[in-house]
């Protein structure tokens, strides 16, 4: 019985060593389990990395998109505000000729930001004289010189 136990113990030890040797680096059994583990880890790692990348991309994208939208909105608002302010200050009058001279009547503006506005304009023409009208000194009278 003792001999059988010794043989059995020796057989287990030898079997363990033989099996362990199959799984040394570079051996076919090692390569097989390494490849299986690598493939499994590669797939899961790729999935987790892409998931984390999408989450970070959305976070950064929202931040960048918000900032670009805010900047574009501010610029558009400034352009529109300038146009609205000019329209209010010029009394909604259009068709100004930068080469011409004008006599303008000024009134109170529509807001504190636009305190004055043009209520009327008279384009000056060569050969005419201009003066306040006798019957209404708030208007300009035009007389053609002869």
Protein backbone atom coordinates (compact mmCIF):
# COMPACT_ATOMS: atom_id res chain seq x y z
CA UNK A 1 0.00 0.00 0.00
CA UNK A 2 2.80 2.40 0.83
CA UNK A 3 4.43 1.60 -2.48
CA UNK A 4 1.19 2.32 -4.30
CA UNK A 5 0.87 5.69 -2.58
CA UNK A 6 4.46 6.60 -3.39
CA UNK A 7 3.95 5.59 -7.01
CA UNK A 8 0.70 7.48 -7.15
CA UNK A 9 2.31 10.59 -5.61
CA UNK A 10 5.25 10.35 -8.00
CA UNK A 11 2.86 9.90 -10.94
CA UNK A 12 0.91 13.00 -9.95
CA UNK A 13 4.14 15.00 -9.63
CA UNK A 14 5.40 13.79 -13.00
CA UNK A 15 2.02 14.43 -14.63
CA UNK A 16 1.96 17.95 -13.20
CA UNK A 17 5.43 18.68 -14.55
CA UNK A 18 4.58 17.27 -17.99
CA UNK A 19 1.38 19.32 -18.21
CA UNK A 20 3.13 22.44 -16.93
CA UNK A 21 5.82 22.04 -19.60
CA UNK A 22 3.14 22.03 -22.35
CA UNK A 23 2.23 25.59 -21.35
CA UNK A 24 5.68 27.18 -21.40
CA UNK A 25 6.01 30.30 -23.57
CA UNK A 26 6.44 29.41 -27.24
CA UNK A 27 4.95 25.91 -26.96
CA UNK A 28 1.83 25.09 -29.04
CA UNK A 29 -0.50 24.72 -26.01
CA UNK A 30 0.72 28.06 -24.62
CA UNK A 31 0.31 29.73 -28.00
CA UNK A 32 -3.24 28.35 -28.30
CA UNK A 33 -4.45 29.68 -24.94
CA UNK A 34 -2.52 32.94 -25.43
CA UNK A 35 -4.15 33.48 -28.84
CA UNK A 36 -7.62 32.70 -27.45
CA UNK A 37 -7.11 35.09 -24.53
CA UNK A 38 -5.65 37.76 -26.79
CA UNK A 39 -8.57 37.54 -29.22
CA UNK A 40 -11.09 37.72 -26.39
CA UNK A 41 -9.28 40.61 -24.72
CA UNK A 42 -8.73 42.41 -28.03
CA UNK A 43 -12.44 42.35 -28.86
CA UNK A 44 -13.56 43.47 -25.41
CA UNK A 45 -10.80 46.07 -25.19
CA UNK A 46 -11.70 47.49 -28.60
CA UNK A 47 -15.38 47.65 -27.62
CA UNK A 48 -14.63 49.37 -24.30
CA UNK A 49 -12.16 51.78 -25.93
CA UNK A 50 -14.63 52.76 -28.65
CA UNK A 51 -17.39 53.20 -26.08
CA UNK A 52 -15.18 55.48 -23.96
CA UNK A 53 -14.06 57.33 -27.11
CA UNK A 54 -17.65 57.97 -28.21
CA UNK A 55 -18.53 59.29 -24.76
CA UNK A 56 -15.50 61.59 -24.66
CA UNK A 57 -16.10 62.66 -28.28
CA UNK A 58 -19.69 63.65 -27.48
CA UNK A 59 -18.55 65.60 -24.43
CA UNK A 60 -15.81 67.46 -26.29
CA UNK A 61 -18.01 67.87 -29.38
CA UNK A 62 -20.80 69.47 -27.36
CA UNK A 63 -18.35 71.85 -25.72
CA UNK A 64 -16.68 72.83 -29.01
CA UNK A 65 -20.03 73.02 -30.82
CA UNK A 66 -21.51 75.20 -28.09
CA UNK A 67 -18.53 77.57 -28.20
CA UNK A 68 -18.62 77.83 -32.01
CA UNK A 69 -22.38 78.36 -31.93
CA UNK A 70 -22.04 80.99 -29.22
CA UNK A 71 -19.35 82.83 -31.19
CA UNK A 72 -21.38 82.67 -34.42
CA UNK A 73 -24.51 83.80 -32.58
CA UNK A 74 -22.71 86.74 -31.00
CA UNK A 75 -21.30 87.81 -34.36
CA UNK A 76 -24.68 87.48 -36.08
CA UNK A 77 -26.31 89.40 -33.22
CA UNK A 78 -23.71 92.15 -33.45
CA UNK A 79 -24.22 92.46 -37.22
CA UNK A 80 -28.00 92.52 -36.81
CA UNK A 81 -27.77 94.96 -33.91
CA UNK A 82 -25.56 97.30 -35.92
CA UNK A 83 -28.00 97.17 -38.84
CA UNK A 84 -31.00 97.73 -36.54
CA UNK A 85 -29.24 100.60 -34.75
CA UNK A 86 -28.27 102.26 -38.03
CA UNK A 87 -31.81 101.89 -39.33
CA UNK A 88 -33.22 103.40 -36.13
CA UNK A 89 -30.71 106.28 -36.13
CA UNK A 90 -31.31 106.99 -39.82
CA UNK A 91 -35.06 107.00 -39.31
CA UNK A 92 -35.51 103.99 -41.57
CA UNK A 93 -34.45 106.14 -44.52
CA UNK A 94 -32.56 104.19 -47.15
CA UNK A 95 -30.79 105.07 -50.37
CA UNK A 96 -28.17 107.38 -48.93
CA UNK A 97 -25.53 108.52 -51.42
CA UNK A 98 -22.12 108.91 -49.78
CA UNK A 99 -21.19 111.46 -52.48
CA UNK A 100 -24.13 113.75 -51.63
CA UNK A 101 -24.74 116.28 -48.88
CA UNK A 102 -27.94 116.32 -46.87
CA UNK A 103 -29.82 118.64 -44.57
CA UNK A 104 -31.46 116.51 -41.90
CA UNK A 105 -34.10 117.02 -39.23
CA UNK A 106 -33.38 115.25 -35.97
CA UNK A 107 -35.90 113.93 -33.47
CA UNK A 108 -35.72 111.96 -30.23
CA UNK A 109 -34.49 108.43 -30.82
CA UNK A 110 -36.42 105.26 -30.06
CA UNK A 111 -34.28 104.25 -27.06
CA UNK A 112 -31.49 105.27 -24.72
CA UNK A 113 -29.06 103.36 -26.95
CA UNK A 114 -30.24 105.41 -29.97
CA UNK A 115 -30.94 108.84 -28.42
CA UNK A 116 -31.45 110.67 -31.74
CA UNK A 117 -32.93 109.69 -35.08
CA UNK A 118 -33.27 111.41 -38.43
CA UNK A 119 -36.89 112.25 -39.14
CA UNK A 120 -36.45 113.91 -42.52
CA UNK A 121 -33.67 114.61 -45.00
CA UNK A 122 -33.22 116.94 -47.92
CA UNK A 123 -30.54 116.16 -50.46
CA UNK A 124 -28.64 119.29 -51.40
CA UNK A 125 -28.45 120.04 -55.12
CA UNK A 126 -25.97 122.37 -56.83
CA UNK A 127 -27.61 125.61 -57.92
CA UNK A 128 -30.22 125.65 -55.13
CA UNK A 129 -30.36 127.69 -51.95
CA UNK A 130 -31.67 126.38 -48.66
CA UNK A 131 -33.26 128.14 -45.73
CA UNK A 132 -35.80 127.53 -43.01
CA UNK A 133 -39.33 127.99 -44.29
CA UNK A 134 -41.08 131.17 -43.10
CA UNK A 135 -44.38 129.39 -42.45
CA UNK A 136 -42.75 126.37 -40.71
CA UNK A 137 -39.26 126.86 -39.29
CA UNK A 138 -39.04 123.09 -38.67
CA UNK A 139 -38.75 122.51 -42.42
CA UNK A 140 -36.15 123.45 -45.01
CA UNK A 141 -37.29 125.40 -48.05
CA UNK A 142 -35.41 124.99 -51.33
CA UNK A 143 -35.11 127.80 -53.87
CA UNK A 144 -33.62 127.29 -57.27
CA UNK A 145 -31.17 130.00 -58.21
CA UNK A 146 -31.82 131.58 -61.61
